[in-house]
Every structure is written in structure tokens, then in C-alpha cells.
């Protein structure tokens, strides 16, 4: 299951790298989100942490912070994400079986890659280590 998820995640990450510019401050906060996420063993809790972490970063939330908020009920989140993220709508049209969670994990990984460009070399190494621990693509 994990291998299939990661393969799907790798394909999704390529397709969903957004266009919002990442500020240096957002990049540093994204690094902290990724590092903290490595400490969360439960996959559902980690996913909710990704949502909340991204929702608190303007360049990641892309105007969708309300759909990413911690207070959103998980049963409603998928519908809200599809309404808010146009790339998720397109991904679901291309592959109706893709879940909002799988798509969002790829989106978040793509965001981390964009944020990486704004970090120092030491911070980039920390982010690379966190992404590896989280099972994200290269």
C-alpha cells in the first residue's frame, strides 16, 4: 500500500507544483512544518498537520486557508479542497480515483520543493532529510 501511495504521490507532485511565489519567511516556516511532521507517526494526524501547516502559509494555501483549517471536519475537507484547488479538480477529471489526500500530499511536497529554493544550504539539507523521512519523492 505504501509503495503504491508513494508512486502515485510522485506522479501527482510533478503535476501540481503551483505558481504562488514562496517568501523566505514561508520557506522557513515550511521547513519547520516538515520537521515537525516527521515526529507524527499516525498517517491521518500527519495529513491533518500538513493541511494546517499549509493553511498557515499564504504561499502554500493559495487562497484556500479555510479549506485547510484545523477546524474543518475531515468528511467535508475533500469537497472543500476540490472546490478550492483548480489543479485538484483537473486531477480528479483525469483520474477520478485519486483522493484529495493523495493529491494534497503531492501538492504539499511540490510546495516544499519550491520553498527549498529560498533556504540556506544547511536548511535545504534539513528539508531534504525531513522529506526523505516523510517518504516524499526526490
Protein backbone atom coordinates (compact mmCIF):
# COMPACT_ATOMS: atom_id res chain seq x y z
CA UNK A 1 0.00 0.00 0.00
CA UNK A 2 2.75 2.45 0.94
CA UNK A 3 4.66 1.78 -2.27
CA UNK A 4 1.55 2.37 -4.40
CA UNK A 5 0.78 5.56 -2.48
CA UNK A 6 4.30 6.87 -2.94
CA UNK A 7 4.28 6.05 -6.64
CA UNK A 8 1.00 7.90 -7.04
CA UNK A 9 2.36 10.70 -4.90
CA UNK A 10 5.43 11.08 -7.11
CA UNK A 11 3.29 11.41 -10.23
CA UNK A 12 0.96 13.87 -8.56
CA UNK A 13 3.80 16.01 -7.20
CA UNK A 14 5.07 16.66 -10.71
CA UNK A 15 1.68 17.80 -11.92
CA UNK A 16 0.67 20.05 -9.04
CA UNK A 17 3.58 22.38 -8.39
CA UNK A 18 1.75 25.66 -8.02
CA UNK A 19 2.70 29.10 -9.17
CA UNK A 20 2.46 31.17 -5.98
CA UNK A 21 5.80 32.72 -5.05
CA UNK A 22 7.27 31.43 -1.80
CA UNK A 23 8.65 34.08 0.53
CA UNK A 24 11.76 33.40 2.58
CA UNK A 25 9.65 33.52 5.75
CA UNK A 26 7.15 31.00 4.39
CA UNK A 27 10.03 28.76 3.29
CA UNK A 28 11.48 28.74 6.80
CA UNK A 29 8.06 28.01 8.32
CA UNK A 30 7.52 25.21 5.76
CA UNK A 31 10.81 23.68 6.88
CA UNK A 32 9.54 23.68 10.47
CA UNK A 33 6.24 22.10 9.38
CA UNK A 34 8.12 19.33 7.55
CA UNK A 35 10.43 18.70 10.51
CA UNK A 36 7.53 18.58 12.96
CA UNK A 37 5.59 16.26 10.67
CA UNK A 38 8.40 13.68 10.92
CA UNK A 39 7.51 13.32 14.61
CA UNK A 40 3.92 12.30 13.88
CA UNK A 41 3.56 8.54 13.42
CA UNK A 42 -0.17 8.38 12.69
CA UNK A 43 -0.74 8.96 8.95
CA UNK A 44 -4.15 10.66 9.44
CA UNK A 45 -2.79 13.03 12.07
CA UNK A 46 0.21 13.79 9.87
CA UNK A 47 -2.11 14.57 6.94
CA UNK A 48 -4.15 16.95 9.11
CA UNK A 49 -0.86 18.55 10.18
CA UNK A 50 0.05 19.09 6.50
CA UNK A 51 -3.32 20.73 5.89
CA UNK A 52 -2.99 23.03 8.89
CA UNK A 53 0.67 23.81 8.20
CA UNK A 54 -0.03 24.70 4.58
CA UNK A 55 -3.12 26.67 5.60
CA UNK A 56 -0.93 28.91 7.76
CA UNK A 57 1.44 29.68 4.89
CA UNK A 58 -0.04 32.17 2.46
CA UNK A 59 2.03 30.98 -0.48
CA UNK A 60 1.05 27.35 0.19
CA UNK A 61 -2.64 27.88 0.97
CA UNK A 62 -3.14 29.70 -2.34
CA UNK A 63 -6.29 31.36 -1.05
CA UNK A 64 -7.64 28.07 0.32
CA UNK A 65 -6.79 28.51 4.00
CA UNK A 66 -10.41 27.97 5.06
CA UNK A 67 -10.45 24.53 3.39
CA UNK A 68 -7.18 23.68 5.13
CA UNK A 69 -8.09 24.90 8.61
CA UNK A 70 -7.76 22.50 11.55
CA UNK A 71 -11.41 23.07 12.43
CA UNK A 72 -12.67 21.63 9.13
CA UNK A 73 -14.30 18.24 9.57
CA UNK A 74 -12.39 15.58 7.65
CA UNK A 75 -15.59 14.38 5.98
CA UNK A 76 -16.07 17.86 4.46
CA UNK A 77 -12.42 18.61 3.64
CA UNK A 78 -12.23 16.65 0.37
CA UNK A 79 -15.23 18.51 -1.05
CA UNK A 80 -13.81 21.87 0.06
CA UNK A 81 -10.39 21.11 -1.41
CA UNK A 82 -11.90 20.12 -4.77
CA UNK A 83 -13.86 23.37 -4.84
CA UNK A 84 -10.86 25.49 -3.91
CA UNK A 85 -7.90 23.97 -5.76
CA UNK A 86 -8.44 24.03 -9.52
CA UNK A 87 -5.48 21.64 -10.02
CA UNK A 88 -7.26 19.08 -7.83
CA UNK A 89 -10.37 19.45 -9.96
CA UNK A 90 -8.29 18.77 -13.08
CA UNK A 91 -6.54 15.81 -11.44
CA UNK A 92 -9.91 14.27 -10.48
CA UNK A 93 -11.18 14.74 -14.03
CA UNK A 94 -8.10 12.97 -15.37
CA UNK A 95 -8.20 10.25 -12.70
CA UNK A 96 -11.50 10.01 -10.76
CA UNK A 97 -9.92 7.52 -8.33
CA UNK A 98 -7.38 9.99 -6.97
CA UNK A 99 -8.25 11.10 -3.46
CA UNK A 100 -7.96 14.63 -2.19
CA UNK A 101 -5.47 13.43 0.43
CA UNK A 102 -3.14 11.80 -2.12
CA UNK A 103 -3.34 14.87 -4.35
CA UNK A 104 -2.72 17.22 -1.45
CA UNK A 105 0.30 15.25 -0.22
CA UNK A 106 1.77 15.70 -3.70
CA UNK A 107 0.84 19.37 -3.71
CA UNK A 108 2.49 19.87 -0.33
CA UNK A 109 5.63 18.06 -1.46
CA UNK A 110 5.75 20.27 -4.55
CA UNK A 111 5.40 23.29 -2.29
CA UNK A 112 8.29 22.08 -0.13
CA UNK A 113 10.43 21.77 -3.25
CA UNK A 114 9.61 25.36 -4.23
CA UNK A 115 10.28 26.53 -0.66
CA UNK A 116 13.64 24.75 -0.72
CA UNK A 117 14.95 27.28 -3.22
CA UNK A 118 14.60 30.07 -0.62
CA UNK A 119 16.53 28.24 2.12
CA UNK A 120 20.21 28.27 3.02
CA UNK A 121 22.23 25.17 2.18
CA UNK A 122 22.03 23.96 5.80
CA UNK A 123 18.26 24.45 5.81
CA UNK A 124 17.99 22.69 2.45
CA UNK A 125 19.80 19.69 3.94
CA UNK A 126 17.38 19.67 6.88
CA UNK A 127 14.41 19.86 4.50
CA UNK A 128 15.83 17.08 2.34
CA UNK A 129 16.21 14.89 5.44
CA UNK A 130 12.64 15.65 6.57
CA UNK A 131 11.20 14.96 3.10
CA UNK A 132 13.08 11.67 2.96
CA UNK A 133 11.77 10.68 6.38
CA UNK A 134 8.24 11.57 5.27
CA UNK A 135 8.58 9.40 2.16
CA UNK A 136 8.29 12.22 -0.36
CA UNK A 137 9.83 12.00 -3.81
CA UNK A 138 13.31 13.29 -4.63
